[in-house]
Protein backbone atom coordinates (compact mmCIF):
# COMPACT_ATOMS: atom_id res chain seq x y z
CA MET A 1 -5.28 83.21 -9.86
CA ASN A 2 -7.35 82.40 -6.78
CA LEU A 3 -10.98 81.60 -6.01
CA LEU A 4 -11.59 84.10 -3.21
CA SER A 5 -14.06 86.23 -5.16
CA LYS A 6 -16.40 83.25 -5.57
CA PHE A 7 -17.03 83.19 -1.82
CA LEU A 8 -16.63 86.80 -0.70
CA ASN A 9 -18.74 89.84 -1.53
CA LYS A 10 -15.50 91.88 -1.48
CA VAL A 11 -11.94 90.63 -1.26
CA ASP A 12 -9.67 93.55 -0.36
CA PHE A 13 -10.16 96.44 2.04
CA ASN A 14 -8.43 99.62 3.15
CA SER A 15 -8.60 98.94 6.89
CA TYR A 16 -9.55 96.38 9.50
CA GLU A 17 -12.67 98.40 10.35
CA GLU A 18 -13.82 98.29 6.73
CA MET A 19 -13.12 94.54 6.53
CA LYS A 20 -15.04 93.81 9.76
CA ALA A 21 -18.04 95.90 8.70
CA GLU A 22 -18.32 94.90 5.06
CA SER A 23 -16.86 91.40 4.62
CA GLN A 24 -19.42 88.65 4.01
CA LEU A 25 -19.06 84.99 3.10
CA ASN A 26 -21.19 83.53 0.33
CA VAL A 27 -21.31 79.73 0.37
CA PRO A 28 -23.57 77.56 -1.81
CA SER A 29 -25.65 74.98 0.05
CA ASN A 30 -23.89 72.10 -1.72
CA PHE A 31 -20.33 73.40 -1.33
CA ASN A 32 -17.69 70.69 -1.40
CA PHE A 33 -14.05 71.73 -0.98
CA ALA A 34 -12.73 68.88 -3.11
CA TYR A 35 -14.83 69.66 -6.17
CA ASP A 36 -15.26 73.42 -5.82
CA ILE A 37 -11.67 74.25 -4.93
CA VAL A 38 -9.26 71.43 -5.84
CA ASP A 39 -10.97 70.21 -9.01
CA GLU A 40 -11.84 73.76 -10.04
CA TYR A 41 -8.17 74.78 -9.89
CA ALA A 42 -7.32 71.61 -11.81
CA ARG A 43 -9.77 72.72 -14.52
CA LEU A 44 -8.81 76.40 -14.66
CA CYS A 45 -5.04 76.24 -14.07
CA PRO A 46 -3.93 72.59 -13.91
CA GLU A 47 -0.21 73.38 -13.49
CA LYS A 48 -0.74 75.64 -10.48
CA ARG A 49 1.26 74.31 -7.50
CA ALA A 50 -0.76 72.79 -4.66
CA LEU A 51 1.82 71.05 -2.44
CA VAL A 52 5.60 71.21 -2.09
CA TRP A 53 6.70 68.34 0.14
CA CYS A 54 10.12 67.26 1.32
CA ASN A 55 11.50 65.28 4.22
CA SER A 56 14.56 65.06 6.43
CA VAL A 57 16.24 62.39 4.27
CA GLY A 58 16.20 64.42 1.08
CA GLU A 59 13.09 63.16 -0.69
CA GLU A 60 10.90 65.70 -2.48
CA LYS A 61 7.50 65.72 -4.15
CA ILE A 62 5.69 68.60 -5.85
CA LEU A 63 2.00 68.22 -6.68
CA THR A 64 0.02 70.49 -8.98
CA PHE A 65 -3.74 70.80 -8.62
CA LYS A 66 -4.07 68.50 -11.62
CA ASP A 67 -1.89 65.94 -9.84
CA LEU A 68 -3.91 66.33 -6.66
CA SER A 69 -7.21 65.99 -8.48
CA GLU A 70 -6.14 62.80 -10.23
CA LEU A 71 -4.48 61.23 -7.19
CA SER A 72 -7.54 61.97 -5.07
CA ASN A 73 -9.75 60.36 -7.70
CA GLN A 74 -7.58 57.24 -7.66
CA THR A 75 -7.71 57.24 -3.87
CA ALA A 76 -11.49 57.71 -3.83
CA ASN A 77 -11.88 54.78 -6.22
CA TYR A 78 -9.66 52.68 -3.96
CA LEU A 79 -11.68 53.58 -0.86
CA LEU A 80 -14.89 52.70 -2.69
CA SER A 81 -13.42 49.29 -3.53
CA LEU A 82 -12.98 48.72 0.23
CA GLY A 83 -16.70 49.26 0.75
CA LEU A 84 -16.33 52.71 2.31
CA LYS A 85 -19.14 55.20 1.69
CA LYS A 86 -20.56 58.58 2.62
CA GLY A 87 -20.87 58.98 6.39
CA ASP A 88 -18.19 56.43 7.27
CA TYR A 89 -15.27 57.50 9.46
CA ILE A 90 -11.62 56.82 8.71
CA MET A 91 -8.63 57.80 10.85
CA THR A 92 -5.21 58.94 9.66
CA MET A 93 -1.88 58.85 11.51
CA LEU A 94 0.35 60.33 8.84
CA ASN A 95 2.66 62.81 10.58
CA ARG A 96 3.57 65.13 7.67
CA ARG A 97 3.38 62.63 4.79
CA TRP A 98 2.21 63.99 1.42
CA GLU A 99 -0.47 61.29 1.25
CA PHE A 100 -2.49 63.13 3.91
CA TRP A 101 -3.53 65.87 1.49
CA VAL A 102 -4.55 63.36 -1.17
CA ILE A 103 -6.60 61.34 1.32
CA VAL A 104 -8.41 64.36 2.76
CA VAL A 105 -9.46 65.50 -0.71
CA ALA A 106 -10.52 61.97 -1.71
CA CYS A 107 -12.65 61.55 1.40
CA CYS A 108 -14.25 64.93 0.82
CA LYS A 109 -15.23 63.80 -2.67
CA LEU A 110 -17.01 60.77 -1.23
CA GLY A 111 -18.47 62.34 1.91
CA ILE A 112 -16.29 60.12 4.09
CA ILE A 113 -15.41 61.75 7.41
CA VAL A 114 -11.69 62.07 8.19
CA ILE A 115 -10.29 61.87 11.72
CA PRO A 116 -6.76 63.31 11.56
CA ALA A 117 -4.76 61.94 14.48
CA THR A 118 -1.20 62.46 15.64
CA HIS A 119 1.34 59.76 14.86
CA LEU A 120 2.33 59.86 18.56
CA LEU A 121 -0.73 57.94 19.76
CA THR A 122 -0.14 54.93 22.00
CA PRO A 123 -2.18 51.71 21.65
CA LYS A 124 -4.73 52.90 24.22
CA ASP A 125 -5.13 56.20 22.33
CA VAL A 126 -5.59 54.34 19.05
CA TYR A 127 -8.31 51.93 20.09
CA TYR A 128 -10.15 54.57 22.15
CA ARG A 129 -10.40 56.83 19.11
CA CYS A 130 -11.24 54.09 16.64
CA ASN A 131 -13.98 52.69 18.86
CA SER A 132 -15.45 56.05 19.84
CA ALA A 133 -15.77 57.15 16.22
CA GLU A 134 -16.59 53.65 14.89
CA ALA A 135 -13.78 54.07 12.38
CA LYS A 136 -13.85 51.66 9.44
CA ALA A 137 -10.29 52.26 8.21
CA LEU A 138 -6.95 53.53 9.46
CA ILE A 139 -4.27 54.93 7.15
CA ALA A 140 -0.87 55.46 8.73
CA THR A 141 2.76 56.23 8.08
CA ASN A 142 5.13 53.29 8.34
CA GLU A 143 7.26 54.68 11.18
CA PRO A 144 8.29 51.81 13.49
CA ASP A 145 6.61 53.21 16.61
CA VAL A 146 3.39 53.83 14.72
CA ILE A 147 3.33 50.27 13.38
CA GLU A 148 4.01 48.85 16.83
CA HIS A 149 1.29 50.88 18.54
CA ILE A 150 -1.32 50.11 15.90
CA THR A 151 -0.45 46.41 16.01
CA ASP A 152 -0.84 46.36 19.78
CA ALA A 153 -4.20 48.16 19.53
CA LEU A 154 -5.82 46.12 16.75
CA SER A 155 -7.35 43.38 18.89
CA GLN A 156 -9.40 46.01 20.73
CA CYS A 157 -10.49 48.02 17.67
CA LYS A 158 -14.06 46.78 17.26
CA THR A 159 -15.12 48.41 13.98
CA LEU A 160 -11.82 48.69 12.13
CA LYS A 161 -11.83 46.68 8.89
CA ASN A 162 -8.83 48.05 7.02
CA VAL A 163 -5.34 49.12 8.14
CA ILE A 164 -3.29 50.68 5.37
CA TYR A 165 0.27 51.96 5.48
CA THR A 166 1.74 54.54 3.12
CA THR A 167 4.59 52.25 2.06
CA PRO A 168 5.00 48.46 2.25
CA VAL A 169 4.53 46.80 5.64
CA ASN A 170 4.36 43.03 5.71
CA GLY A 171 0.79 41.78 5.98
CA TYR A 172 -0.91 45.11 5.25
CA ALA A 173 -2.10 47.01 2.19
CA CYS A 174 0.25 49.67 0.82
CA PHE A 175 -1.50 52.94 -0.01
CA ASP A 176 1.11 54.18 -2.50
CA GLU A 177 0.87 50.92 -4.46
CA GLU A 178 -2.87 50.33 -4.23
CA ILE A 179 -4.02 53.68 -5.63
CA THR A 180 -2.00 53.16 -8.82
CA LYS A 181 -4.35 50.29 -9.70
CA PHE A 182 -7.32 52.63 -10.07
CA PRO A 183 -8.34 55.12 -12.79
CA LYS A 184 -7.67 58.84 -12.54
CA THR A 185 -11.31 59.66 -13.17
CA LEU A 186 -13.86 59.22 -10.40
CA SER A 187 -16.10 56.19 -10.78
CA ILE A 188 -19.16 57.79 -9.15
CA SER A 189 -20.94 61.08 -9.61
CA ARG A 190 -20.62 63.97 -7.17
CA PRO A 191 -22.59 63.11 -4.01
CA GLU A 192 -25.37 65.29 -2.66
CA ILE A 193 -23.99 67.32 0.23
CA ASP A 194 -25.75 69.61 2.67
CA SER A 195 -22.74 71.77 3.43
CA GLN A 196 -24.32 73.16 6.59
CA LYS A 197 -25.36 69.85 8.16
CA ASP A 198 -23.19 67.07 6.71
CA ILE A 199 -19.99 66.29 8.62
CA MET A 200 -16.66 66.49 6.78
CA LEU A 201 -14.02 66.39 9.53
CA CYS A 202 -13.68 65.16 13.12
CA TYR A 203 -10.97 66.00 15.65
CA PHE A 204 -10.39 64.43 19.04
CA THR A 205 -9.46 67.22 21.41
CA SER A 206 -8.46 66.99 25.04
CA GLY A 207 -10.57 68.48 27.81
CA THR A 208 -10.02 68.99 31.50
CA THR A 209 -12.51 66.28 32.46
CA GLY A 210 -13.27 63.00 30.77
CA MET A 211 -11.60 61.52 27.73
CA PRO A 212 -11.01 63.50 24.50
CA LYS A 213 -14.17 64.85 22.89
CA MET A 214 -14.98 64.55 19.19
CA VAL A 215 -15.25 67.94 17.50
CA GLN A 216 -17.10 67.70 14.20
CA HIS A 217 -17.01 70.26 11.38
CA ASN A 218 -19.36 70.55 8.43
CA PHE A 219 -18.57 71.16 4.75
CA GLU A 220 -18.78 74.94 5.21
CA TYR A 221 -15.86 74.91 7.63
CA PRO A 222 -13.11 75.39 4.99
CA ILE A 223 -14.66 78.64 3.76
CA ALA A 224 -14.37 80.40 7.13
CA HIS A 225 -10.64 79.66 7.01
CA ILE A 226 -10.38 82.38 4.35
CA TYR A 227 -10.06 84.73 7.31
CA THR A 228 -7.37 82.51 8.81
CA ALA A 229 -5.29 82.30 5.66
CA TYR A 230 -5.82 85.41 3.56
CA TYR A 231 -6.55 88.04 6.18
CA TRP A 232 -4.41 86.83 9.11
CA GLN A 233 -1.57 84.75 7.61
CA ASP A 234 -1.58 87.02 4.54
CA VAL A 235 -0.88 84.12 2.16
CA GLN A 236 0.09 85.08 -1.38
CA ASP A 237 -1.49 83.97 -4.64
CA ASP A 238 1.01 81.53 -6.20
CA GLY A 239 3.13 81.85 -3.05
CA LEU A 240 4.28 79.10 -0.70
CA HIS A 241 2.93 78.92 2.84
CA PHE A 242 4.63 77.02 5.65
CA THR A 243 2.71 76.28 8.85
CA MET A 244 4.73 74.17 11.26
CA ALA A 245 2.21 71.56 12.39
CA GLU A 246 1.79 67.87 11.87
CA THR A 247 -1.39 66.62 10.24
CA GLY A 248 -2.91 65.18 13.42
CA TRP A 249 -3.66 68.59 14.93
CA ALA A 250 -6.34 71.15 14.07
CA LYS A 251 -3.55 73.64 13.33
CA CYS A 252 -3.10 71.67 10.12
CA SER A 253 -6.63 72.63 9.06
CA TRP A 254 -5.80 76.19 10.07
CA GLY A 255 -2.57 76.45 8.13
CA LYS A 256 -1.92 73.62 5.71
CA ILE A 257 -4.90 73.11 3.45
CA TYR A 258 -8.28 74.88 3.38
CA GLY A 259 -8.00 78.66 3.48
CA GLN A 260 -4.56 78.56 1.91
CA TRP A 261 -5.70 76.75 -1.22
CA ILE A 262 -8.84 78.86 -1.56
CA ALA A 263 -6.57 81.93 -1.48
CA GLY A 264 -4.34 80.44 -4.19
CA THR A 265 -1.12 79.69 -2.31
CA ALA A 266 0.72 76.39 -2.38
CA ILE A 267 1.39 74.48 0.85
CA PHE A 268 4.89 73.63 2.01
CA ALA A 269 5.32 70.53 4.18
CA TYR A 270 8.52 69.35 5.79
CA ASP A 271 8.31 65.78 7.06
CA TYR A 272 10.63 64.92 9.94
CA ASN A 273 10.67 62.62 12.94
CA GLY A 274 11.81 63.23 16.46
CA ARG A 275 13.02 66.44 18.00
CA PHE A 276 12.59 69.75 16.16
CA THR A 277 15.90 71.08 14.89
CA PRO A 278 15.85 74.77 13.90
CA THR A 279 18.98 74.48 11.79
CA ASP A 280 17.19 71.92 9.58
CA VAL A 281 14.21 74.17 8.94
CA LEU A 282 15.87 77.57 8.48
CA PRO A 283 17.67 76.77 5.18
CA LEU A 284 14.38 75.55 3.70
CA ILE A 285 12.92 79.06 3.80
CA HIS A 286 15.53 80.25 1.31
CA LYS A 287 15.81 77.03 -0.70
CA TYR A 288 12.08 76.83 -1.47
CA ARG A 289 11.42 80.59 -1.42
CA ILE A 290 8.75 80.33 1.25
CA THR A 291 6.61 83.47 1.30
CA THR A 292 4.51 83.14 4.47
CA PHE A 293 5.32 81.36 7.71
CA CYS A 294 3.28 80.39 10.78
CA ALA A 295 4.53 78.59 13.91
CA PRO A 296 3.72 78.45 17.62
CA PRO A 297 5.71 80.73 19.96
CA THR A 298 7.75 77.72 21.08
CA ILE A 299 9.23 77.43 17.60
CA TYR A 300 10.03 81.13 17.48
CA ARG A 301 11.81 80.73 20.83
CA PHE A 302 13.94 77.95 19.34
CA LEU A 303 14.64 80.04 16.23
CA ALA A 304 15.60 83.09 18.29
CA LYS A 305 18.37 81.03 19.94
CA GLU A 306 20.04 80.52 16.54
CA ASP A 307 22.29 82.93 14.69
CA LEU A 308 19.56 84.10 12.33
CA SER A 309 21.93 86.46 10.55
CA SER A 310 23.38 83.39 8.82
CA TYR A 311 20.13 82.67 6.95
CA ASP A 312 18.33 84.28 4.02
CA PHE A 313 14.77 85.42 4.78
CA SER A 314 14.35 87.61 1.70
CA SER A 315 11.47 85.52 0.31
CA LEU A 316 9.31 86.00 3.42
CA VAL A 317 6.55 88.58 3.30
CA HIS A 318 4.61 87.67 6.48
CA CYS A 319 5.02 85.74 9.74
CA SER A 320 2.33 84.70 12.22
CA THR A 321 1.86 82.70 15.41
CA ALA A 322 -0.86 81.13 17.56
CA GLY A 323 -1.17 78.74 20.46
CA GLU A 324 0.01 80.88 23.36
CA ALA A 325 1.24 84.39 24.13
CA LEU A 326 4.39 85.44 22.30
CA ASN A 327 7.23 86.75 24.46
CA ALA A 328 8.13 90.34 23.56
CA GLU A 329 11.87 89.67 23.65
CA VAL A 330 11.52 86.76 21.23
CA ALA A 331 9.47 88.94 18.88
CA LYS A 332 12.15 91.65 19.07
CA GLN A 333 15.00 89.23 18.38
CA PHE A 334 13.16 87.76 15.41
CA TYR A 335 12.39 91.23 14.03
CA ASP A 336 15.98 92.40 14.46
CA ALA A 337 17.24 89.36 12.54
CA THR A 338 14.61 89.13 9.80
CA GLY A 339 12.85 92.49 9.62
CA HIS A 340 9.50 90.77 10.19
CA VAL A 341 7.00 91.44 12.92
CA ILE A 342 4.95 88.44 14.05
CA TYR A 343 1.16 88.61 13.74
CA GLU A 344 -0.65 86.76 16.52
CA GLY A 345 -3.93 84.84 16.35
CA PHE A 346 -6.28 82.96 18.66
CA GLY A 347 -8.85 80.22 18.17
CA GLN A 348 -9.75 76.64 18.99
CA THR A 349 -10.13 73.20 17.47
CA GLU A 350 -13.83 74.09 17.39
CA SER A 351 -13.29 77.20 15.28
CA THR A 352 -11.29 79.02 12.66
CA VAL A 353 -9.25 82.05 13.76
CA ILE A 354 -11.42 83.98 16.25
CA LEU A 355 -9.17 86.90 17.15
CA ALA A 356 -6.09 88.00 15.25
CA THR A 357 -3.79 90.77 14.22
CA PHE A 358 -5.08 90.94 10.68
CA LYS A 359 -3.00 92.22 7.79
CA TYR A 360 -4.55 95.70 7.92
CA MET A 361 -3.47 96.15 11.54
CA GLN A 362 -0.28 97.18 13.31
CA PRO A 363 0.77 94.34 15.66
CA LYS A 364 0.88 94.84 19.41
CA VAL A 365 3.13 92.10 20.78
CA GLY A 366 1.33 89.86 23.25
CA SER A 367 -2.17 90.79 22.13
CA LEU A 368 -4.75 88.55 20.47
CA GLY A 369 -5.75 91.28 18.03
CA LYS A 370 -9.35 91.93 17.01
CA PRO A 371 -12.35 89.74 16.04
CA SER A 372 -12.59 87.87 12.76
CA PRO A 373 -15.49 88.98 10.53
CA ALA A 374 -16.78 85.40 10.84
CA TYR A 375 -17.68 85.95 14.49
CA ASP A 376 -19.39 88.45 16.79
CA ILE A 377 -17.16 88.45 19.89
CA VAL A 378 -18.17 89.52 23.39
CA LEU A 379 -16.61 89.20 26.84
CA LEU A 380 -18.98 87.68 29.39
CA ASP A 381 -19.00 87.30 33.15
CA ASP A 382 -20.17 84.11 34.85
CA MET A 383 -23.81 85.23 34.52
CA ASP A 384 -23.48 85.83 30.75
CA ASN A 385 -23.53 89.59 31.17
CA GLU A 386 -21.58 91.42 28.49
CA LEU A 387 -18.58 93.33 29.85
CA GLY A 388 -17.05 96.59 28.72
CA ASP A 389 -13.45 97.54 28.06
CA ASN A 390 -10.66 96.77 30.53
CA LYS A 391 -12.70 94.11 32.35
CA GLU A 392 -11.68 90.47 32.45
CA GLY A 393 -14.24 88.11 30.95
CA GLU A 394 -14.69 84.93 28.95
CA ILE A 395 -14.20 85.17 25.20
CA CYS A 396 -17.56 84.17 23.74
CA ILE A 397 -19.11 84.09 20.28
CA LYS A 398 -22.58 85.58 19.97
CA LEU A 399 -24.17 83.07 17.62
CA ARG A 400 -25.60 84.17 14.30
CA PRO A 401 -28.61 82.52 12.61
CA HIS A 402 -26.12 81.08 10.10
CA GLN A 403 -22.79 80.66 11.86
CA TYR A 404 -19.80 79.78 9.70
CA GLY A 405 -16.60 78.21 11.00
CA LEU A 406 -17.78 76.80 14.31
CA VAL A 407 -18.14 73.23 15.59
CA GLU A 408 -21.26 71.72 14.07
CA SER A 409 -21.59 69.00 16.71
CA TYR A 410 -19.77 66.80 19.20
CA LYS A 411 -20.12 63.20 18.09
CA ASN A 412 -22.20 61.09 20.48
CA ASP A 413 -22.68 64.03 22.84
CA GLU A 414 -25.99 65.82 22.32
CA ALA A 415 -25.75 67.67 25.63
CA ARG A 416 -22.38 69.20 24.77
CA THR A 417 -23.60 70.07 21.27
CA LYS A 418 -26.66 71.82 22.68
CA GLU A 419 -24.51 73.71 25.17
CA ALA A 420 -22.19 74.89 22.37
CA ARG A 421 -24.70 75.69 19.62
CA GLY A 422 -28.13 75.71 21.23
CA GLY A 423 -28.09 79.04 23.03
CA THR A 424 -27.17 82.67 22.50
CA TYR A 425 -23.43 82.24 22.99
CA TYR A 426 -20.64 79.80 22.29
CA HIS A 427 -18.26 79.80 25.27
CA THR A 428 -14.57 79.35 24.52
CA GLY A 429 -13.52 78.92 28.16
CA ASP A 430 -10.66 81.41 27.64
CA LEU A 431 -10.37 84.70 29.50
CA ALA A 432 -9.28 88.04 28.08
CA LYS A 433 -9.50 91.81 28.47
CA ARG A 434 -10.33 94.29 25.71
CA ASP A 435 -8.61 97.67 25.74
CA SER A 436 -10.06 100.99 24.62
CA ASP A 437 -8.71 100.42 21.08
CA GLY A 438 -10.69 97.19 20.76
CA ILE A 439 -7.57 95.01 21.12
CA TYR A 440 -7.99 91.77 23.09
CA TRP A 441 -5.37 90.60 25.59
CA TYR A 442 -5.23 87.02 26.79
CA VAL A 443 -5.57 86.34 30.53
CA GLY A 444 -5.77 82.57 30.85
CA ARG A 445 -7.89 79.46 30.64
CA LYS A 446 -11.00 79.03 32.72
CA ASP A 447 -10.28 75.34 32.94
CA ASP A 448 -7.00 73.49 33.18
CA ILE A 449 -5.81 72.77 29.66
CA ILE A 450 -2.01 72.79 29.43
CA LYS A 451 -0.36 74.25 26.33
CA SER A 452 3.20 73.00 25.98
CA SER A 453 5.35 73.39 22.85
CA GLY A 454 2.23 73.79 20.72
CA TYR A 455 0.48 70.72 22.19
CA ARG A 456 -2.81 70.90 24.07
CA ILE A 457 -2.74 68.47 26.98
CA GLY A 458 -5.75 67.53 29.07
CA PRO A 459 -4.95 66.78 32.73
CA PHE A 460 -7.42 63.90 32.93
CA GLU A 461 -5.53 61.77 30.40
CA VAL A 462 -2.22 62.17 32.24
CA GLU A 463 -3.83 61.68 35.64
CA SER A 464 -5.50 58.51 34.38
CA ALA A 465 -2.13 57.18 33.25
CA LEU A 466 -0.43 57.97 36.55
CA MET A 467 -3.25 56.46 38.60
CA GLU A 468 -2.56 53.12 36.93
CA HIS A 469 0.84 53.01 38.64
CA PRO A 470 0.72 51.26 42.03
CA SER A 471 2.73 53.97 43.79
CA VAL A 472 0.19 56.72 43.06
CA LEU A 473 -2.60 57.24 45.55
CA GLU A 474 -3.78 60.60 44.27
CA CYS A 475 -2.50 63.08 41.70
CA ALA A 476 -3.21 66.39 40.02
CA ILE A 477 -1.84 67.56 36.70
CA THR A 478 -1.18 71.25 36.12
CA GLY A 479 0.96 73.39 33.89
CA VAL A 480 3.92 75.33 35.20
CA PRO A 481 5.56 78.21 33.31
CA ASP A 482 8.57 77.33 31.20
CA PRO A 483 10.68 79.88 29.27
CA LEU A 484 11.13 77.57 26.27
CA ARG A 485 7.93 75.53 26.02
CA GLY A 486 5.46 78.05 27.42
CA GLN A 487 4.30 75.49 29.96
CA VAL A 488 5.41 72.04 31.03
CA VAL A 489 3.33 69.33 32.64
CA LYS A 490 3.61 69.05 36.40
CA ALA A 491 2.34 66.13 38.49
CA THR A 492 1.54 66.71 42.14
CA ILE A 493 1.38 63.26 43.74
CA ILE A 494 0.36 61.67 47.01
CA LEU A 495 2.11 58.31 47.25
CA ALA A 496 0.45 55.09 48.32
CA LYS A 497 1.56 53.33 51.48
CA GLY A 498 4.89 51.58 51.18
CA TYR A 499 6.39 54.10 48.74
CA THR A 500 8.79 56.92 49.50
CA PRO A 501 9.78 59.90 47.33
CA SER A 502 12.95 59.54 45.27
CA ASP A 503 14.46 60.65 42.00
CA ALA A 504 14.35 57.05 40.82
CA LEU A 505 10.59 56.91 41.40
CA LYS A 506 10.12 60.18 39.52
CA LYS A 507 11.95 58.71 36.53
CA GLU A 508 9.90 55.51 36.77
CA LEU A 509 6.64 57.47 36.76
CA GLN A 510 7.74 59.61 33.82
CA ASP A 511 8.70 56.55 31.79
CA TYR A 512 5.40 54.90 32.70
CA VAL A 513 3.35 57.82 31.41
CA LYS A 514 5.35 57.81 28.17
CA LYS A 515 4.34 54.18 27.62
CA VAL A 516 0.68 54.51 28.58
CA THR A 517 -0.15 57.68 26.67
CA ALA A 518 1.49 59.87 24.04
CA PRO A 519 5.04 60.67 25.23
CA TYR A 520 4.70 64.45 24.88
CA LYS A 521 2.20 64.37 27.78
CA TYR A 522 4.60 63.07 30.41
CA PRO A 523 5.19 65.24 33.53
CA ARG A 524 8.54 66.95 33.33
CA VAL A 525 8.06 68.17 36.90
CA ILE A 526 6.95 65.87 39.74
CA GLU A 527 6.28 67.00 43.29
CA PHE A 528 5.45 64.54 46.07
CA VAL A 529 3.10 65.97 48.73
CA ASP A 530 1.26 64.73 51.80
CA GLU A 531 -2.05 66.41 50.96
CA MET A 532 -3.82 68.26 48.15
CA PRO A 533 -5.65 71.59 48.27
CA LYS A 534 -9.35 70.69 47.88
CA THR A 535 -12.79 72.24 47.79
CA ILE A 536 -15.44 71.42 50.38
CA SER A 537 -16.88 68.84 48.01
CA GLY A 538 -13.51 67.12 47.78
CA LYS A 539 -12.43 68.34 44.34
CA ILE A 540 -8.74 69.14 43.88
CA ARG A 541 -8.10 72.86 43.52
CA ARG A 542 -5.66 72.90 40.62
CA ALA A 543 -5.83 76.68 40.54
CA GLU A 544 -4.30 76.74 44.02
CA ILE A 545 -1.44 74.51 42.87
CA ARG A 546 -0.80 76.79 39.90
CA LYS A 547 -0.90 79.83 42.18
CA GLN A 548 1.75 78.34 44.46
CA ASP A 549 3.94 77.42 41.49
CA SER A 550 3.79 80.94 40.07
CA LYS A 551 5.20 82.56 43.23
């Protein structure tokens, strides 16, 4: 069974056009995902699978909704014992650990706001996020690098009162041990929640200027992910869905918890460290009988390089992708080997799926598909004039009086919040064209965000790291096309006096960036130049650098 009919006026349709015209969300004003989805499944069908977790060293854990309900109650009681309460912020750095799902549900029950963060954060990343959000607690995996970086950051974390690791670490509380000390029934009553206004979730997301911004979602946010999970990813009731993302990224919210559970499928999570190895993942599809699969195009490119004929894909019923355009040849190779077309989608940390090839549609490789029923999509020029077919414009959401599935606010940034939600349109900053069939085709980013191997990388953070090195006088970070990763980070650098270009200096700068910020952000390409292309006002013209690199 699933709970879709509780929140939709109609669940199934005969066509995309019927779905877009007739589908409506119905969300009570006090909706709380933890109580109304997780605990409701635990009441109605306690043995229904919620999470199937395994890792690269052979460990396995399967949680039913009853298990999840009880573990989240124990966790909530533990968090209460630490003095945490509704409105407090806690950060997680859990990679793909099973505890993440328990903690998210527990926090939802208490009205505590979760900040999922990648386990790749460096000390500077850690204390910047903790201080910006005024985080009271940090729960992390016990990977050596994570422990080291948190330890190095602690002296500069001004509001942090509790650091907790999933398994024993000398001198710190152990999450797995502590929660066993608390009862499986919640010690407080269900809190009053305004699902439209109260904040449930906060993501730090990189921009092209300034440090990462804090994207905040309300308690209604999970409901809009019905369109992500059921209508785009086509998850199956009592199936098993595998989205390849770690818990620190918004893609986890897209594919590993909210819409999937509402639609009745279990979540599959494979916990591994280090470099992605396709041959490790492929056997899992058959072993666990995974039914639906979602990964960025980078992963499909890795998979397409393997001998896919050696693997059993008979359990799969649907495959999807998001993050960047999918190469037609990769899609063809995957189809030839598995018999599955890949359904593409588009959206942001600030949203649920905005455009997608929904399950009632025939995929057109390389397209973004059509608008989600949650949004009214228009293409705008720079003067906010709506554009017709076959004209390049910015993908924008025409705001509804009650808009589901869109950023509720940016923490500590009223101006940005007003810009996003205070007018007629929400601007995505992404450019597209719409053809005569109503299909959207991606053109590019209005700003300079780099998308590499599924990561979103803001130039400012990498530039800031490079500028700390004494050899760098001036630099610009851009993305250059890469057949495997989509894009890779490129640094264009003017050296300070006394330094000369060399391969050794390139390696030194790359290693420096890896130490100062998350290692996936380092520039794989470095070009030393004597001058930068600039505007009259002195701003670096990154678009000109990209143009030169694309020739």
